[in-house]
């Protein structure tokens, strides 16, 4: 499978965050959003230390890979020590790993990115709303994806922080066109046009997709993409 971030069939990409899916029907719920037009699945991994919540781990990725062998699994590590999870997520079938500049600052982030690529995945760097963009300026262009958090990470359903659009515009100025810019948090059809206009080409949405009835999800995904 070619990596969706380095060889996208179309842009923008829509990435439903499974944090808002029905955990009792995870495989079915995820298959449904992919059939409705989503491009990939976004897995929010939280360790209860870097953020005040505990969510999923490699076993979730492994289960989704078994159920959905052709799905692109985009893993977002909101963890204090991302290096310890690289091997386990690679073995579980993840296609991409993003970690935070707050957890691995400076040039150390580039070393970890190379370790991720050595396991056959692409690498992303994420930045939280309070962190100045200068924290990633030196390294952003060396990643396959830059994730600008548009809420403070930890929980789904939070309100979009409008000021993060400026950070996205700056990221788009700093990185080559082949580097994806992703936003995550509070994205919905009401703000998706501003998110895309700021330079984002991978839109993560959780509640906006999974909290809608299955029959309505195709329309929401099309609105997020700008097709409606």
N, C-alpha and C. Protein backbone atom coordinates (compact mmCIF):
# COMPACT_ATOMS: atom_id res chain seq x y z
N UNK A 1 0.83 -1.19 0.00
CA UNK A 1 0.00 0.00 0.00
C UNK A 1 0.89 1.26 0.00
N UNK A 2 0.65 2.15 -1.00
CA UNK A 2 1.37 3.42 -0.99
C UNK A 2 0.87 4.28 0.16
N UNK A 3 1.78 5.07 0.73
CA UNK A 3 1.38 5.89 1.86
C UNK A 3 0.49 7.03 1.39
N UNK A 4 -0.64 7.17 2.02
CA UNK A 4 -1.65 8.14 1.60
C UNK A 4 -1.17 9.58 1.78
N UNK A 5 -0.28 9.81 2.72
CA UNK A 5 0.19 11.18 2.94
C UNK A 5 1.24 11.59 1.92
N UNK A 6 2.06 10.65 1.45
CA UNK A 6 3.08 10.99 0.46
C UNK A 6 2.56 10.84 -0.97
N UNK A 7 1.52 10.03 -1.17
CA UNK A 7 0.94 9.83 -2.50
C UNK A 7 -0.60 9.91 -2.41
N UNK A 8 -1.12 11.10 -2.07
CA UNK A 8 -2.59 11.21 -1.93
C UNK A 8 -3.28 11.10 -3.28
N UNK A 9 -4.35 10.35 -3.31
CA UNK A 9 -5.14 10.23 -4.54
C UNK A 9 -5.95 11.49 -4.78
N UNK A 10 -6.23 12.21 -3.70
CA UNK A 10 -6.98 13.46 -3.79
C UNK A 10 -6.69 14.27 -2.54
N UNK A 11 -6.96 15.54 -2.62
CA UNK A 11 -6.85 16.43 -1.46
C UNK A 11 -8.05 17.37 -1.46
N UNK A 12 -8.54 17.80 -0.32
CA UNK A 12 -8.07 17.40 1.01
C UNK A 12 -8.51 15.99 1.39
N UNK A 13 -7.81 15.43 2.38
CA UNK A 13 -8.16 14.14 2.94
C UNK A 13 -9.01 14.34 4.19
N UNK A 14 -9.99 13.46 4.35
CA UNK A 14 -10.87 13.52 5.52
C UNK A 14 -10.56 12.32 6.42
N UNK A 15 -10.24 12.63 7.68
CA UNK A 15 -9.76 11.62 8.63
C UNK A 15 -10.67 11.57 9.85
N UNK A 16 -11.67 10.71 9.87
CA UNK A 16 -12.49 10.58 11.07
C UNK A 16 -11.67 10.07 12.25
N UNK A 17 -11.80 10.74 13.37
CA UNK A 17 -11.12 10.29 14.60
C UNK A 17 -12.00 9.28 15.31
N UNK A 18 -11.47 8.09 15.50
CA UNK A 18 -12.28 7.02 16.07
C UNK A 18 -12.52 7.21 17.57
N UNK A 19 -11.97 8.27 18.14
CA UNK A 19 -12.24 8.56 19.56
C UNK A 19 -13.73 8.76 19.81
N UNK A 20 -14.46 9.21 18.78
CA UNK A 20 -15.90 9.42 18.93
C UNK A 20 -16.74 8.28 18.35
N UNK A 21 -16.08 7.23 17.87
CA UNK A 21 -16.83 6.09 17.35
C UNK A 21 -17.46 5.29 18.48
N UNK A 22 -18.36 4.38 18.11
CA UNK A 22 -18.98 3.49 19.07
C UNK A 22 -18.00 2.35 19.34
N UNK A 23 -17.40 2.34 20.53
CA UNK A 23 -16.37 1.34 20.83
C UNK A 23 -16.93 -0.07 20.88
N UNK A 24 -18.23 -0.21 21.05
CA UNK A 24 -18.83 -1.54 21.04
C UNK A 24 -19.04 -2.06 19.62
N UNK A 25 -18.94 -1.15 18.64
CA UNK A 25 -19.15 -1.52 17.23
C UNK A 25 -18.03 -0.92 16.38
N UNK A 26 -16.81 -0.93 16.88
CA UNK A 26 -15.73 -0.18 16.27
C UNK A 26 -15.48 -0.56 14.81
N UNK A 27 -15.34 -1.83 14.53
CA UNK A 27 -15.07 -2.24 13.16
C UNK A 27 -16.16 -1.82 12.20
N UNK A 28 -17.40 -2.05 12.60
CA UNK A 28 -18.53 -1.70 11.75
C UNK A 28 -18.63 -0.19 11.56
N UNK A 29 -18.43 0.58 12.65
CA UNK A 29 -18.51 2.03 12.59
C UNK A 29 -17.43 2.59 11.66
N UNK A 30 -16.21 2.06 11.77
CA UNK A 30 -15.11 2.55 10.94
C UNK A 30 -15.30 2.16 9.48
N UNK A 31 -15.76 0.95 9.24
CA UNK A 31 -16.04 0.54 7.87
C UNK A 31 -17.09 1.44 7.25
N UNK A 32 -18.06 1.85 8.06
CA UNK A 32 -19.13 2.70 7.56
C UNK A 32 -18.65 4.08 7.12
N UNK A 33 -17.75 4.69 7.90
CA UNK A 33 -17.29 6.04 7.51
C UNK A 33 -16.36 5.97 6.29
N UNK A 34 -15.60 4.88 6.16
CA UNK A 34 -14.78 4.73 4.96
C UNK A 34 -15.67 4.54 3.74
N UNK A 35 -16.71 3.77 3.87
CA UNK A 35 -17.65 3.58 2.77
C UNK A 35 -18.37 4.88 2.43
N UNK A 36 -18.52 5.76 3.42
CA UNK A 36 -19.20 7.04 3.21
C UNK A 36 -18.29 8.09 2.59
N UNK A 37 -17.04 7.75 2.32
CA UNK A 37 -16.16 8.68 1.62
C UNK A 37 -14.95 9.15 2.38
N UNK A 38 -14.80 8.77 3.64
CA UNK A 38 -13.59 9.15 4.39
C UNK A 38 -12.37 8.47 3.77
N UNK A 39 -11.21 9.12 3.94
CA UNK A 39 -9.99 8.62 3.31
C UNK A 39 -9.14 7.74 4.22
N UNK A 40 -9.25 7.94 5.51
CA UNK A 40 -8.38 7.24 6.46
C UNK A 40 -9.01 7.28 7.83
N UNK A 41 -8.39 6.59 8.78
CA UNK A 41 -8.84 6.58 10.16
C UNK A 41 -7.76 7.18 11.04
N UNK A 42 -8.17 8.05 11.96
CA UNK A 42 -7.26 8.76 12.86
C UNK A 42 -7.42 8.16 14.25
N UNK A 43 -6.32 7.65 14.81
CA UNK A 43 -6.34 7.01 16.12
C UNK A 43 -5.66 7.92 17.14
N UNK A 44 -6.41 8.41 18.10
CA UNK A 44 -5.88 9.29 19.15
C UNK A 44 -5.43 8.46 20.33
N UNK A 45 -4.13 8.38 20.52
CA UNK A 45 -3.53 7.57 21.58
C UNK A 45 -3.10 8.48 22.72
N UNK A 46 -3.63 8.26 23.91
CA UNK A 46 -3.35 9.11 25.07
C UNK A 46 -2.91 8.23 26.23
N UNK A 47 -1.90 8.70 26.96
CA UNK A 47 -1.29 7.86 28.00
C UNK A 47 -1.65 8.27 29.43
N UNK A 48 -2.50 9.29 29.60
CA UNK A 48 -2.86 9.74 30.95
C UNK A 48 -1.79 10.57 31.61
N UNK A 49 -0.68 10.85 30.92
CA UNK A 49 0.41 11.67 31.45
C UNK A 49 0.60 12.93 30.61
N UNK A 50 0.83 12.74 29.31
CA UNK A 50 0.99 13.89 28.43
C UNK A 50 -0.31 14.67 28.34
N UNK A 51 -1.43 13.97 28.35
CA UNK A 51 -2.77 14.57 28.42
C UNK A 51 -3.56 13.84 29.51
N UNK A 52 -4.57 14.51 30.08
CA UNK A 52 -5.28 13.91 31.22
C UNK A 52 -6.38 12.94 30.80
N UNK A 53 -6.05 12.02 29.94
CA UNK A 53 -7.02 11.03 29.51
C UNK A 53 -6.26 9.79 29.07
N UNK A 54 -6.92 8.65 29.11
CA UNK A 54 -6.33 7.38 28.73
C UNK A 54 -7.24 6.76 27.67
N UNK A 55 -6.67 6.46 26.50
CA UNK A 55 -7.55 5.96 25.44
C UNK A 55 -7.08 4.60 24.93
N UNK A 56 -6.64 4.56 23.69
CA UNK A 56 -6.39 3.28 23.02
C UNK A 56 -4.89 3.04 22.83
N UNK A 57 -4.55 1.82 22.43
CA UNK A 57 -3.15 1.48 22.21
C UNK A 57 -2.98 0.63 20.96
N UNK A 58 -1.85 -0.05 20.84
CA UNK A 58 -1.58 -0.85 19.64
C UNK A 58 -2.63 -1.92 19.36
N UNK A 59 -3.26 -2.46 20.38
CA UNK A 59 -4.26 -3.50 20.13
C UNK A 59 -5.43 -2.96 19.31
N UNK A 60 -5.79 -1.70 19.49
CA UNK A 60 -6.85 -1.12 18.67
C UNK A 60 -6.42 -1.06 17.22
N UNK A 61 -5.19 -0.62 16.97
CA UNK A 61 -4.68 -0.60 15.60
C UNK A 61 -4.65 -2.00 15.01
N UNK A 62 -4.23 -2.96 15.81
CA UNK A 62 -4.16 -4.34 15.33
C UNK A 62 -5.55 -4.87 14.96
N UNK A 63 -6.52 -4.57 15.79
CA UNK A 63 -7.88 -5.01 15.51
C UNK A 63 -8.45 -4.37 14.26
N UNK A 64 -8.19 -3.07 14.07
CA UNK A 64 -8.68 -2.40 12.87
C UNK A 64 -7.97 -2.91 11.63
N UNK A 65 -6.69 -3.18 11.75
CA UNK A 65 -5.96 -3.72 10.59
C UNK A 65 -6.52 -5.08 10.17
N UNK A 66 -6.87 -5.90 11.16
CA UNK A 66 -7.45 -7.21 10.83
C UNK A 66 -8.83 -7.06 10.20
N UNK A 67 -9.63 -6.14 10.72
CA UNK A 67 -10.99 -5.96 10.22
C UNK A 67 -11.02 -5.20 8.91
N UNK A 68 -10.08 -4.27 8.73
CA UNK A 68 -10.08 -3.38 7.57
C UNK A 68 -8.67 -3.37 6.96
N UNK A 69 -8.31 -4.44 6.25
CA UNK A 69 -6.91 -4.60 5.81
C UNK A 69 -6.42 -3.50 4.89
N UNK A 70 -7.31 -2.80 4.21
CA UNK A 70 -6.89 -1.76 3.27
C UNK A 70 -7.00 -0.35 3.84
N UNK A 71 -7.41 -0.22 5.09
CA UNK A 71 -7.57 1.11 5.69
C UNK A 71 -6.21 1.73 6.00
N UNK A 72 -6.12 3.04 5.84
CA UNK A 72 -4.91 3.78 6.22
C UNK A 72 -5.08 4.21 7.67
N UNK A 73 -4.16 3.80 8.53
CA UNK A 73 -4.25 4.07 9.96
C UNK A 73 -3.25 5.15 10.34
N UNK A 74 -3.78 6.30 10.72
CA UNK A 74 -3.02 7.49 11.09
C UNK A 74 -3.04 7.59 12.61
N UNK A 75 -1.92 7.28 13.25
CA UNK A 75 -1.85 7.22 14.71
C UNK A 75 -1.25 8.51 15.25
N UNK A 76 -1.97 9.15 16.16
CA UNK A 76 -1.56 10.40 16.79
C UNK A 76 -1.19 10.10 18.25
N UNK A 77 0.11 10.13 18.53
CA UNK A 77 0.61 9.80 19.86
C UNK A 77 0.62 11.04 20.76
N UNK A 78 -0.34 11.11 21.65
CA UNK A 78 -0.35 12.16 22.67
C UNK A 78 0.18 11.52 23.96
N UNK A 79 1.49 11.26 23.94
CA UNK A 79 2.13 10.49 25.00
C UNK A 79 3.44 11.16 25.40
N UNK A 80 3.88 10.89 26.61
CA UNK A 80 5.08 11.53 27.13
C UNK A 80 6.35 10.96 26.51
N UNK A 81 6.33 9.68 26.12
CA UNK A 81 7.53 9.03 25.59
C UNK A 81 7.17 8.29 24.31
N UNK A 82 7.01 9.01 23.20
CA UNK A 82 6.54 8.36 21.96
C UNK A 82 7.47 7.29 21.42
N UNK A 83 8.77 7.40 21.69
CA UNK A 83 9.72 6.43 21.13
C UNK A 83 9.40 5.00 21.56
N UNK A 84 8.86 4.83 22.74
CA UNK A 84 8.61 3.48 23.24
C UNK A 84 7.46 2.78 22.50
N UNK A 85 6.68 3.54 21.72
CA UNK A 85 5.51 2.97 21.05
C UNK A 85 5.74 2.72 19.56
N UNK A 86 6.86 3.12 19.03
CA UNK A 86 7.09 3.02 17.59
C UNK A 86 7.03 1.56 17.13
N UNK A 87 7.78 0.70 17.77
CA UNK A 87 7.82 -0.70 17.38
C UNK A 87 6.45 -1.36 17.49
N UNK A 88 5.75 -1.13 18.58
CA UNK A 88 4.47 -1.81 18.79
C UNK A 88 3.42 -1.37 17.79
N UNK A 89 3.39 -0.09 17.43
CA UNK A 89 2.41 0.35 16.44
C UNK A 89 2.80 -0.10 15.04
N UNK A 90 4.08 -0.17 14.75
CA UNK A 90 4.50 -0.71 13.46
C UNK A 90 4.05 -2.16 13.32
N UNK A 91 4.26 -2.95 14.35
CA UNK A 91 3.84 -4.34 14.32
C UNK A 91 2.32 -4.48 14.23
N UNK A 92 1.61 -3.51 14.79
CA UNK A 92 0.14 -3.56 14.78
C UNK A 92 -0.45 -3.17 13.43
N UNK A 93 0.37 -2.59 12.55
CA UNK A 93 -0.12 -2.27 11.22
C UNK A 93 -0.39 -0.80 10.96
N UNK A 94 0.12 0.09 11.82
CA UNK A 94 -0.05 1.52 11.58
C UNK A 94 0.70 1.95 10.33
N UNK A 95 0.13 2.89 9.60
CA UNK A 95 0.78 3.44 8.41
C UNK A 95 1.56 4.71 8.71
N UNK A 96 1.15 5.42 9.75
CA UNK A 96 1.73 6.73 10.04
C UNK A 96 1.70 6.97 11.54
N UNK A 97 2.76 7.61 12.05
CA UNK A 97 2.81 8.01 13.46
C UNK A 97 3.11 9.50 13.55
N UNK A 98 2.31 10.21 14.32
CA UNK A 98 2.57 11.61 14.66
C UNK A 98 2.84 11.70 16.15
N UNK A 99 3.87 12.45 16.53
CA UNK A 99 4.13 12.70 17.95
C UNK A 99 4.28 14.20 18.16
N UNK A 100 4.37 14.62 19.42
CA UNK A 100 4.33 16.05 19.74
C UNK A 100 5.71 16.64 19.96
N UNK A 101 5.88 17.86 19.45
CA UNK A 101 7.13 18.59 19.67
C UNK A 101 7.31 18.90 21.15
N UNK A 102 6.21 19.00 21.90
CA UNK A 102 6.31 19.25 23.33
C UNK A 102 6.91 18.06 24.07
N UNK A 103 6.74 16.86 23.50
CA UNK A 103 7.28 15.65 24.12
C UNK A 103 8.72 15.38 23.68
N UNK A 104 9.01 15.71 22.43
CA UNK A 104 10.36 15.47 21.88
C UNK A 104 10.79 16.75 21.16
N UNK A 105 11.38 17.69 21.88
CA UNK A 105 11.68 19.00 21.27
C UNK A 105 12.97 18.99 20.44
N UNK A 106 13.07 20.02 19.59
CA UNK A 106 14.31 20.29 18.87
C UNK A 106 14.71 19.20 17.90
N UNK A 107 16.03 19.06 17.73
CA UNK A 107 16.58 18.12 16.76
C UNK A 107 16.31 16.66 17.12
N UNK A 108 16.02 16.38 18.39
CA UNK A 108 15.69 15.02 18.79
C UNK A 108 14.45 14.52 18.04
N UNK A 109 13.58 15.45 17.66
CA UNK A 109 12.38 15.08 16.92
C UNK A 109 12.74 14.47 15.57
N UNK A 110 13.79 14.97 14.94
CA UNK A 110 14.20 14.43 13.64
C UNK A 110 14.76 13.02 13.78
N UNK A 111 15.47 12.76 14.86
CA UNK A 111 16.00 11.42 15.09
C UNK A 111 14.86 10.42 15.27
N UNK A 112 13.84 10.83 16.02
CA UNK A 112 12.70 9.94 16.22
C UNK A 112 11.96 9.72 14.91
N UNK A 113 11.85 10.75 14.09
CA UNK A 113 11.18 10.61 12.78
C UNK A 113 11.89 9.57 11.93
N UNK A 114 13.21 9.57 11.96
CA UNK A 114 13.96 8.58 11.19
C UNK A 114 13.72 7.17 11.72
N UNK A 115 13.57 7.05 13.04
CA UNK A 115 13.25 5.74 13.61
C UNK A 115 11.88 5.25 13.19
N UNK A 116 10.94 6.16 13.07
CA UNK A 116 9.59 5.81 12.60
C UNK A 116 9.64 5.35 11.15
N UNK A 117 10.36 6.08 10.32
CA UNK A 117 10.45 5.71 8.90
C UNK A 117 11.17 4.37 8.72
N UNK A 118 12.13 4.11 9.59
CA UNK A 118 12.86 2.84 9.49
C UNK A 118 11.94 1.65 9.72
N UNK A 119 10.80 1.88 10.37
CA UNK A 119 9.83 0.81 10.60
C UNK A 119 8.75 0.78 9.53
N UNK A 120 8.93 1.58 8.46
CA UNK A 120 8.01 1.51 7.33
C UNK A 120 6.83 2.45 7.40
N UNK A 121 6.84 3.39 8.34
CA UNK A 121 5.75 4.34 8.49
C UNK A 121 6.22 5.74 8.11
N UNK A 122 5.29 6.64 7.83
CA UNK A 122 5.63 8.05 7.70
C UNK A 122 5.53 8.70 9.07
N UNK A 123 6.12 9.90 9.17
CA UNK A 123 6.25 10.56 10.47
C UNK A 123 5.64 11.96 10.44
N UNK A 124 4.95 12.30 11.52
CA UNK A 124 4.36 13.62 11.65
C UNK A 124 4.77 14.26 12.96
N UNK A 125 4.74 15.60 12.98
CA UNK A 125 5.03 16.36 14.19
C UNK A 125 3.81 17.21 14.52
N UNK A 126 3.39 17.18 15.78
CA UNK A 126 2.21 17.90 16.23
C UNK A 126 2.60 19.02 17.18
N UNK A 127 1.75 20.06 17.22
CA UNK A 127 1.99 21.19 18.11
C UNK A 127 0.67 21.61 18.75
N UNK A 128 0.71 21.85 20.05
CA UNK A 128 -0.48 22.23 20.81
C UNK A 128 -0.78 23.72 20.68
N UNK A 129 -2.03 24.13 20.94
CA UNK A 129 -2.39 25.54 20.78
C UNK A 129 -1.51 26.53 21.54
N UNK A 130 -1.10 26.28 22.79
CA UNK A 130 -0.31 27.29 23.49
C UNK A 130 1.15 27.38 23.04
N UNK A 131 1.63 26.38 22.31
CA UNK A 131 3.05 26.33 21.94
C UNK A 131 3.31 27.21 20.73
N UNK A 132 4.28 28.12 20.79
CA UNK A 132 4.59 28.96 19.62
C UNK A 132 5.04 28.13 18.43
N UNK A 133 4.68 28.55 17.25
CA UNK A 133 5.05 27.83 16.04
C UNK A 133 6.56 27.75 15.85
N UNK A 134 7.29 28.68 16.44
CA UNK A 134 8.74 28.65 16.32
C UNK A 134 9.33 27.34 16.85
N UNK A 135 8.59 26.64 17.70
CA UNK A 135 9.08 25.38 18.26
C UNK A 135 9.27 24.32 17.19
N UNK A 136 8.53 24.44 16.08
CA UNK A 136 8.65 23.43 15.02
C UNK A 136 9.29 23.98 13.75
N UNK A 137 9.62 25.25 13.72
CA UNK A 137 10.06 25.86 12.47
C UNK A 137 11.30 25.17 11.88
N UNK A 138 12.25 24.82 12.72
CA UNK A 138 13.49 24.23 12.22
C UNK A 138 13.31 22.82 11.69
N UNK A 139 12.29 22.12 12.16
CA UNK A 139 12.15 20.70 11.81
C UNK A 139 10.96 20.40 10.91
N UNK A 140 10.00 21.32 10.79
CA UNK A 140 8.72 21.01 10.14
C UNK A 140 8.89 20.46 8.73
N UNK A 141 9.79 21.05 7.95
CA UNK A 141 9.94 20.66 6.56
C UNK A 141 10.51 19.26 6.40
N UNK A 142 11.06 18.69 7.47
CA UNK A 142 11.67 17.36 7.41
C UNK A 142 10.68 16.24 7.75
N UNK A 143 9.43 16.62 8.04
CA UNK A 143 8.40 15.63 8.36
C UNK A 143 7.49 15.43 7.16
N UNK A 144 6.73 14.35 7.19
CA UNK A 144 5.75 14.07 6.15
C UNK A 144 4.44 14.79 6.41
N UNK A 145 4.22 15.19 7.66
CA UNK A 145 2.97 15.84 8.06
C UNK A 145 3.23 16.73 9.27
N UNK A 146 2.58 17.88 9.28
CA UNK A 146 2.58 18.77 10.44
C UNK A 146 1.14 18.87 10.94
N UNK A 147 0.92 18.51 12.19
CA UNK A 147 -0.41 18.54 12.79
C UNK A 147 -0.53 19.74 13.71
N UNK A 148 -1.41 20.67 13.36
CA UNK A 148 -1.71 21.83 14.19
C UNK A 148 -2.96 21.51 15.00
N UNK A 149 -2.80 21.35 16.31
CA UNK A 149 -3.97 21.08 17.15
C UNK A 149 -4.83 22.34 17.27
N UNK A 150 -6.11 22.17 17.02
CA UNK A 150 -7.04 23.30 17.09
C UNK A 150 -7.91 23.24 18.34
N UNK A 151 -7.58 22.32 19.25
CA UNK A 151 -8.09 22.31 20.63
C UNK A 151 -6.92 21.86 21.51
N UNK A 152 -7.05 22.06 22.80
CA UNK A 152 -6.07 21.49 23.71
C UNK A 152 -6.35 20.00 23.82
N UNK A 153 -5.37 19.16 23.55
CA UNK A 153 -5.63 17.73 23.38
C UNK A 153 -6.07 17.04 24.66
N UNK A 154 -6.85 15.98 24.46
CA UNK A 154 -7.27 15.17 25.60
C UNK A 154 -8.67 14.60 25.46
N UNK A 155 -9.58 15.37 24.84
CA UNK A 155 -10.97 14.93 24.77
C UNK A 155 -11.59 15.39 23.46
N UNK A 156 -12.52 14.60 22.92
CA UNK A 156 -13.25 15.01 21.73
C UNK A 156 -14.41 15.92 22.13
N UNK A 157 -14.96 16.63 21.14
CA UNK A 157 -16.12 17.47 21.37
C UNK A 157 -15.82 18.87 21.85
N UNK A 158 -14.54 19.29 21.85
CA UNK A 158 -14.19 20.63 22.30
C UNK A 158 -14.43 21.66 21.20
N UNK A 159 -14.51 22.94 21.61
CA UNK A 159 -14.73 24.03 20.67
C UNK A 159 -13.44 24.36 19.93
N UNK A 160 -13.56 24.63 18.66
CA UNK A 160 -12.44 25.00 17.79
C UNK A 160 -11.83 26.32 18.25
N UNK A 161 -10.49 26.37 18.33
CA UNK A 161 -9.78 27.58 18.70
C UNK A 161 -9.41 28.32 17.42
N UNK A 162 -10.10 29.42 17.14
CA UNK A 162 -9.97 30.12 15.86
C UNK A 162 -8.54 30.60 15.59
N UNK A 163 -7.84 30.97 16.64
CA UNK A 163 -6.49 31.53 16.47
C UNK A 163 -5.51 30.52 15.87
N UNK A 164 -5.83 29.24 15.97
CA UNK A 164 -4.91 28.24 15.43
C UNK A 164 -4.84 28.27 13.90
N UNK A 165 -5.79 28.92 13.26
CA UNK A 165 -5.73 29.05 11.81
C UNK A 165 -4.48 29.82 11.38
N UNK A 166 -4.09 30.81 12.17
CA UNK A 166 -2.87 31.56 11.86
C UNK A 166 -1.65 30.64 11.90
N UNK A 167 -1.63 29.71 12.84
CA UNK A 167 -0.51 28.76 12.93
C UNK A 167 -0.48 27.86 11.70
N UNK A 168 -1.65 27.48 11.22
CA UNK A 168 -1.72 26.65 10.03
C UNK A 168 -1.20 27.39 8.81
N UNK A 169 -1.57 28.65 8.69
CA UNK A 169 -1.06 29.45 7.56
C UNK A 169 0.46 29.54 7.60
N UNK A 170 1.02 29.72 8.78
CA UNK A 170 2.47 29.80 8.90
C UNK A 170 3.12 28.46 8.56
N UNK A 171 2.52 27.38 9.02
CA UNK A 171 3.06 26.06 8.68
C UNK A 171 3.08 25.85 7.18
N UNK A 172 2.02 26.27 6.51
CA UNK A 172 1.95 26.10 5.05
C UNK A 172 3.03 26.90 4.35
N UNK A 173 3.41 28.04 4.92
CA UNK A 173 4.48 28.85 4.34
C UNK A 173 5.84 28.20 4.52
N UNK A 174 6.01 27.46 5.59
CA UNK A 174 7.32 26.93 5.95
C UNK A 174 7.66 25.60 5.29
N UNK A 175 6.66 24.84 4.89
CA UNK A 175 6.95 23.47 4.43
C UNK A 175 6.67 23.34 2.94
N UNK A 176 7.37 22.43 2.26
CA UNK A 176 7.10 22.19 0.84
C UNK A 176 5.69 21.65 0.62
N UNK A 177 5.24 21.75 -0.60
CA UNK A 177 3.88 21.34 -0.92
C UNK A 177 3.59 19.88 -0.69
N UNK A 178 4.62 19.02 -0.71
CA UNK A 178 4.37 17.59 -0.52
C UNK A 178 4.18 17.22 0.95
N UNK A 179 4.44 18.16 1.86
CA UNK A 179 4.21 17.90 3.29
C UNK A 179 2.76 18.22 3.61
N UNK A 180 2.07 17.27 4.18
CA UNK A 180 0.68 17.47 4.54
C UNK A 180 0.57 18.35 5.79
N UNK A 181 -0.48 19.20 5.81
CA UNK A 181 -0.82 19.99 6.98
C UNK A 181 -2.16 19.47 7.50
N UNK A 182 -2.17 19.01 8.73
CA UNK A 182 -3.36 18.43 9.33
C UNK A 182 -3.82 19.32 10.48
N UNK A 183 -5.14 19.43 10.64
CA UNK A 183 -5.72 20.08 11.83
C UNK A 183 -6.64 19.10 12.52
N UNK A 184 -6.68 19.19 13.85
CA UNK A 184 -7.43 18.23 14.66
C UNK A 184 -8.03 18.95 15.85
N UNK A 185 -9.36 18.90 15.95
CA UNK A 185 -10.04 19.44 17.12
C UNK A 185 -11.12 20.44 16.77
N UNK A 186 -12.37 20.08 17.01
CA UNK A 186 -13.48 21.01 16.81
C UNK A 186 -13.79 21.33 15.37
N UNK A 187 -13.32 20.51 14.43
CA UNK A 187 -13.58 20.78 13.01
C UNK A 187 -14.94 20.22 12.63
N UNK A 188 -15.70 21.03 11.90
CA UNK A 188 -17.05 20.66 11.49
C UNK A 188 -17.35 21.36 10.17
N UNK A 189 -18.50 21.05 9.55
CA UNK A 189 -18.85 21.74 8.30
C UNK A 189 -18.94 23.26 8.45
N UNK A 190 -19.16 23.77 9.65
CA UNK A 190 -19.28 25.21 9.83
C UNK A 190 -17.95 25.96 9.73
N UNK A 191 -16.85 25.28 9.98
CA UNK A 191 -15.55 25.96 9.90
C UNK A 191 -14.59 25.31 8.90
N UNK A 192 -15.01 24.25 8.24
CA UNK A 192 -14.10 23.51 7.36
C UNK A 192 -13.58 24.35 6.22
N UNK A 193 -14.39 25.29 5.71
CA UNK A 193 -13.91 26.12 4.60
C UNK A 193 -12.76 27.00 5.05
N UNK A 194 -12.81 27.54 6.27
CA UNK A 194 -11.72 28.36 6.78
C UNK A 194 -10.48 27.52 7.05
N UNK A 195 -10.69 26.29 7.50
CA UNK A 195 -9.58 25.38 7.75
C UNK A 195 -8.85 25.05 6.44
N UNK A 196 -9.61 24.73 5.41
CA UNK A 196 -9.00 24.44 4.11
C UNK A 196 -8.30 25.66 3.54
N UNK A 197 -8.94 26.83 3.65
CA UNK A 197 -8.35 28.05 3.11
C UNK A 197 -7.05 28.43 3.80
N UNK A 198 -6.88 28.01 5.05
CA UNK A 198 -5.66 28.31 5.80
C UNK A 198 -4.49 27.44 5.35
N UNK A 199 -4.76 26.43 4.53
CA UNK A 199 -3.69 25.58 4.03
C UNK A 199 -3.74 24.15 4.52
N UNK A 200 -4.76 23.82 5.31
CA UNK A 200 -4.89 22.45 5.81
C UNK A 200 -5.38 21.53 4.69
N UNK A 201 -4.72 20.39 4.52
CA UNK A 201 -5.18 19.44 3.52
C UNK A 201 -5.47 18.05 4.09
N UNK A 202 -5.46 17.92 5.43
CA UNK A 202 -5.95 16.71 6.11
C UNK A 202 -6.80 17.18 7.28
N UNK A 203 -8.10 16.98 7.20
CA UNK A 203 -9.03 17.45 8.22
C UNK A 203 -9.45 16.28 9.09
N UNK A 204 -9.15 16.38 10.39
CA UNK A 204 -9.58 15.37 11.36
C UNK A 204 -10.89 15.84 11.98
N UNK A 205 -11.86 14.96 12.02
CA UNK A 205 -13.14 15.28 12.66
C UNK A 205 -13.60 14.05 13.43
N UNK A 206 -14.09 14.29 14.64
CA UNK A 206 -14.53 13.20 15.50
C UNK A 206 -16.05 13.26 15.67
N UNK A 207 -16.49 14.13 16.59
CA UNK A 207 -17.92 14.24 16.87
C UNK A 207 -18.72 14.65 15.64
N UNK A 208 -18.15 15.52 14.80
CA UNK A 208 -18.88 16.02 13.64
C UNK A 208 -19.30 14.90 12.70
N UNK A 209 -18.54 13.79 12.71
CA UNK A 209 -18.88 12.64 11.86
C UNK A 209 -19.58 11.55 12.66
N UNK A 210 -18.93 11.06 13.70
CA UNK A 210 -19.43 9.87 14.39
C UNK A 210 -20.67 10.12 15.25
N UNK A 211 -20.92 11.36 15.62
CA UNK A 211 -22.12 11.64 16.40
C UNK A 211 -23.35 11.89 15.53
N UNK A 212 -23.16 11.81 14.21
CA UNK A 212 -24.28 11.88 13.28
C UNK A 212 -24.79 10.47 12.99
N UNK A 213 -26.07 10.33 12.64
CA UNK A 213 -26.57 9.02 12.23
C UNK A 213 -25.80 8.53 11.00
N UNK A 214 -25.61 7.23 10.88
CA UNK A 214 -24.84 6.70 9.74
C UNK A 214 -25.31 7.23 8.39
N UNK A 215 -26.60 7.41 8.23
CA UNK A 215 -27.12 7.86 6.93
C UNK A 215 -26.70 9.29 6.61
N UNK A 216 -26.34 10.07 7.63
CA UNK A 216 -25.97 11.47 7.41
C UNK A 216 -24.47 11.67 7.23
N UNK A 217 -23.68 10.64 7.45
CA UNK A 217 -22.22 10.82 7.50
C UNK A 217 -21.62 11.13 6.13
N UNK A 218 -22.16 10.56 5.08
CA UNK A 218 -21.63 10.84 3.75
C UNK A 218 -21.74 12.33 3.43
N UNK A 219 -22.86 12.93 3.79
CA UNK A 219 -23.05 14.36 3.55
C UNK A 219 -22.09 15.20 4.36
N UNK A 220 -21.86 14.83 5.62
CA UNK A 220 -20.92 15.57 6.46
C UNK A 220 -19.51 15.49 5.88
N UNK A 221 -19.09 14.32 5.47
CA UNK A 221 -17.75 14.14 4.90
C UNK A 221 -17.61 14.99 3.63
N UNK A 222 -18.64 15.00 2.81
CA UNK A 222 -18.59 15.82 1.59
C UNK A 222 -18.50 17.30 1.92
N UNK A 223 -19.20 17.75 2.95
CA UNK A 223 -19.11 19.15 3.37
C UNK A 223 -17.73 19.49 3.90
N UNK A 224 -17.14 18.58 4.67
CA UNK A 224 -15.80 18.82 5.19
C UNK A 224 -14.79 18.94 4.04
N UNK A 225 -14.96 18.15 3.01
CA UNK A 225 -14.06 18.16 1.87
C UNK A 225 -14.27 19.37 0.97
N UNK A 226 -15.47 19.97 1.08
CA UNK A 226 -15.79 21.10 0.23
C UNK A 226 -16.52 20.71 -1.04
N UNK A 227 -17.05 19.49 -1.07
CA UNK A 227 -17.77 19.01 -2.25
C UNK A 227 -19.21 19.50 -2.27
N UNK A 228 -19.70 20.02 -1.13
CA UNK A 228 -21.09 20.52 -1.08
C UNK A 228 -21.09 21.94 -0.58
